[in-house]
Amino acid sequence: MKITESELAAARHYLQQQLETHSWWPKEQPGEALHEFTLMNADAISLTIWCEKWLDSGQQSLLAKALKH
Protein backbone atom coordinates (compact mmCIF):
# COMPACT_ATOMS: atom_id res chain seq x y z
CA MET A 1 0.00 0.00 0.00
CA LYS A 2 1.22 3.47 -0.83
CA ILE A 3 0.14 6.46 1.25
CA THR A 4 -0.19 9.72 -0.67
CA GLU A 5 0.48 13.17 0.74
CA SER A 6 -3.28 13.88 0.63
CA GLU A 7 -3.88 10.79 2.80
CA LEU A 8 -1.05 11.51 5.23
CA ALA A 9 -3.05 13.27 7.96
CA ALA A 10 -5.80 10.62 7.94
CA ALA A 11 -3.26 7.77 7.93
CA ARG A 12 -1.26 9.34 10.75
CA HIS A 13 -4.43 9.80 12.81
CA TYR A 14 -5.63 6.23 12.22
CA LEU A 15 -2.25 4.71 13.06
CA GLN A 16 -1.75 6.90 16.14
CA GLN A 17 -5.19 5.87 17.40
CA GLN A 18 -4.39 2.18 16.90
CA LEU A 19 -1.04 2.49 18.67
CA GLU A 20 -2.58 4.32 21.64
CA THR A 21 -5.63 2.05 21.95
CA HIS A 22 -3.95 -1.35 21.56
CA SER A 23 -0.71 -1.96 23.47
CA TRP A 24 -0.15 -5.10 21.37
CA TRP A 25 -0.47 -3.30 18.03
CA PRO A 26 1.26 -4.03 15.73
CA LYS A 27 1.81 -7.66 16.68
CA GLU A 28 5.61 -7.70 16.49
CA GLN A 29 7.63 -5.45 18.80
CA PRO A 30 4.94 -2.82 19.45
CA GLY A 31 7.29 -0.66 21.54
CA GLU A 32 9.88 -0.45 18.77
CA ALA A 33 7.12 0.12 16.20
CA LEU A 34 5.77 3.05 18.23
CA HIS A 35 9.24 4.55 18.56
CA GLU A 36 9.84 4.29 14.81
CA PHE A 37 6.36 5.68 14.11
CA THR A 38 7.25 8.89 15.96
CA LEU A 39 10.34 9.20 13.76
CA MET A 40 8.75 8.24 10.45
CA ASN A 41 5.34 9.92 10.31
CA ALA A 42 6.38 13.29 8.89
CA ASP A 43 5.80 12.47 5.22
CA ALA A 44 3.91 9.96 3.11
CA ILE A 45 7.00 8.12 1.83
CA SER A 46 8.39 7.49 5.31
CA LEU A 47 5.00 6.45 6.66
CA THR A 48 4.52 4.03 3.76
CA ILE A 49 7.90 2.47 4.57
CA TRP A 50 6.87 2.19 8.23
CA CYS A 51 3.61 0.49 7.27
CA GLU A 52 5.38 -1.99 5.00
CA LYS A 53 7.78 -2.87 7.80
CA TRP A 54 5.38 -3.11 10.74
CA LEU A 55 1.86 -3.91 9.50
CA ASP A 56 0.69 -7.30 8.35
CA SER A 57 -1.58 -7.60 5.32
CA GLY A 58 -4.76 -7.49 7.43
CA GLN A 59 -3.68 -4.33 9.21
CA GLN A 60 -2.73 -2.74 5.90
CA SER A 61 -6.16 -3.62 4.51
CA LEU A 62 -7.87 -1.98 7.49
CA LEU A 63 -5.76 1.14 7.01
CA ALA A 64 -6.64 1.26 3.31
CA LYS A 65 -10.37 0.99 4.18
CA ALA A 66 -10.05 3.74 6.77
CA LEU A 67 -8.44 6.05 4.21
CA LYS A 68 -11.27 5.51 1.70
CA HIS A 69 -13.95 6.75 4.12
C-alpha atoms as a PDB file:
ATOM      1  CA  MET A   1       0.000   0.000   0.000  1.00  0.00           C
ATOM      2  CA  LYS A   2       1.224   3.472  -0.825  1.00  0.00           C
ATOM      3  CA  ILE A   3       0.137   6.460   1.247  1.00  0.00           C
ATOM      4  CA  THR A   4      -0.192   9.723  -0.668  1.00  0.00           C
ATOM      5  CA  GLU A   5       0.475  13.172   0.742  1.00  0.00           C
ATOM      6  CA  SER A   6      -3.284  13.877   0.631  1.00  0.00           C
ATOM      7  CA  GLU A   7      -3.884  10.790   2.802  1.00  0.00           C
ATOM      8  CA  LEU A   8      -1.046  11.514   5.231  1.00  0.00           C
ATOM      9  CA  ALA A   9      -3.053  13.272   7.962  1.00  0.00           C
ATOM     10  CA  ALA A  10      -5.796  10.625   7.945  1.00  0.00           C
ATOM     11  CA  ALA A  11      -3.258   7.768   7.927  1.00  0.00           C
ATOM     12  CA  ARG A  12      -1.263   9.339  10.750  1.00  0.00           C
ATOM     13  CA  HIS A  13      -4.434   9.804  12.808  1.00  0.00           C
ATOM     14  CA  TYR A  14      -5.628   6.232  12.220  1.00  0.00           C
ATOM     15  CA  LEU A  15      -2.246   4.711  13.060  1.00  0.00           C
ATOM     16  CA  GLN A  16      -1.750   6.896  16.141  1.00  0.00           C
ATOM     17  CA  GLN A  17      -5.187   5.871  17.395  1.00  0.00           C
ATOM     18  CA  GLN A  18      -4.393   2.176  16.903  1.00  0.00           C
ATOM     19  CA  LEU A  19      -1.039   2.493  18.671  1.00  0.00           C
ATOM     20  CA  GLU A  20      -2.578   4.325  21.636  1.00  0.00           C
ATOM     21  CA  THR A  21      -5.627   2.051  21.947  1.00  0.00           C
ATOM     22  CA  HIS A  22      -3.946  -1.350  21.565  1.00  0.00           C
ATOM     23  CA  SER A  23      -0.711  -1.960  23.473  1.00  0.00           C
ATOM     24  CA  TRP A  24      -0.154  -5.104  21.374  1.00  0.00           C
ATOM     25  CA  TRP A  25      -0.469  -3.301  18.026  1.00  0.00           C
ATOM     26  CA  PRO A  26       1.262  -4.030  15.733  1.00  0.00           C
ATOM     27  CA  LYS A  27       1.808  -7.656  16.676  1.00  0.00           C
ATOM     28  CA  GLU A  28       5.613  -7.704  16.486  1.00  0.00           C
ATOM     29  CA  GLN A  29       7.633  -5.446  18.800  1.00  0.00           C
ATOM     30  CA  PRO A  30       4.939  -2.819  19.449  1.00  0.00           C
ATOM     31  CA  GLY A  31       7.290  -0.660  21.544  1.00  0.00           C
ATOM     32  CA  GLU A  32       9.876  -0.454  18.775  1.00  0.00           C
ATOM     33  CA  ALA A  33       7.116   0.117  16.203  1.00  0.00           C
ATOM     34  CA  LEU A  34       5.772   3.050  18.229  1.00  0.00           C
ATOM     35  CA  HIS A  35       9.238   4.553  18.556  1.00  0.00           C
ATOM     36  CA  GLU A  36       9.840   4.294  14.807  1.00  0.00           C
ATOM     37  CA  PHE A  37       6.357   5.683  14.115  1.00  0.00           C
ATOM     38  CA  THR A  38       7.254   8.891  15.958  1.00  0.00           C
ATOM     39  CA  LEU A  39      10.345   9.197  13.755  1.00  0.00           C
ATOM     40  CA  MET A  40       8.754   8.242  10.446  1.00  0.00           C
ATOM     41  CA  ASN A  41       5.337   9.917  10.308  1.00  0.00           C
ATOM     42  CA  ALA A  42       6.382  13.295   8.894  1.00  0.00           C
ATOM     43  CA  ASP A  43       5.801  12.469   5.225  1.00  0.00           C
ATOM     44  CA  ALA A  44       3.913   9.961   3.107  1.00  0.00           C
ATOM     45  CA  ILE A  45       7.001   8.118   1.834  1.00  0.00           C
ATOM     46  CA  SER A  46       8.394   7.486   5.309  1.00  0.00           C
ATOM     47  CA  LEU A  47       5.003   6.455   6.664  1.00  0.00           C
ATOM     48  CA  THR A  48       4.521   4.033   3.757  1.00  0.00           C
ATOM     49  CA  ILE A  49       7.901   2.467   4.574  1.00  0.00           C
ATOM     50  CA  TRP A  50       6.870   2.193   8.235  1.00  0.00           C
ATOM     51  CA  CYS A  51       3.609   0.488   7.274  1.00  0.00           C
ATOM     52  CA  GLU A  52       5.376  -1.986   5.001  1.00  0.00           C
ATOM     53  CA  LYS A  53       7.785  -2.873   7.804  1.00  0.00           C
ATOM     54  CA  TRP A  54       5.384  -3.114  10.741  1.00  0.00           C
ATOM     55  CA  LEU A  55       1.864  -3.913   9.505  1.00  0.00           C
ATOM     56  CA  ASP A  56       0.686  -7.302   8.355  1.00  0.00           C
ATOM     57  CA  SER A  57      -1.582  -7.603   5.323  1.00  0.00           C
ATOM     58  CA  GLY A  58      -4.765  -7.490   7.431  1.00  0.00           C
ATOM     59  CA  GLN A  59      -3.677  -4.331   9.213  1.00  0.00           C
ATOM     60  CA  GLN A  60      -2.728  -2.737   5.895  1.00  0.00           C
ATOM     61  CA  SER A  61      -6.162  -3.618   4.511  1.00  0.00           C
ATOM     62  CA  LEU A  62      -7.872  -1.980   7.488  1.00  0.00           C
ATOM     63  CA  LEU A  63      -5.756   1.137   7.012  1.00  0.00           C
ATOM     64  CA  ALA A  64      -6.644   1.261   3.309  1.00  0.00           C
ATOM     65  CA  LYS A  65     -10.369   0.985   4.182  1.00  0.00           C
ATOM     66  CA  ALA A  66     -10.055   3.740   6.771  1.00  0.00           C
ATOM     67  CA  LEU A  67      -8.442   6.050   4.213  1.00  0.00           C
ATOM     68  CA  LYS A  68     -11.272   5.505   1.701  1.00  0.00           C
ATOM     69  CA  HIS A  69     -13.947   6.745   4.117  1.00  0.00           C
END
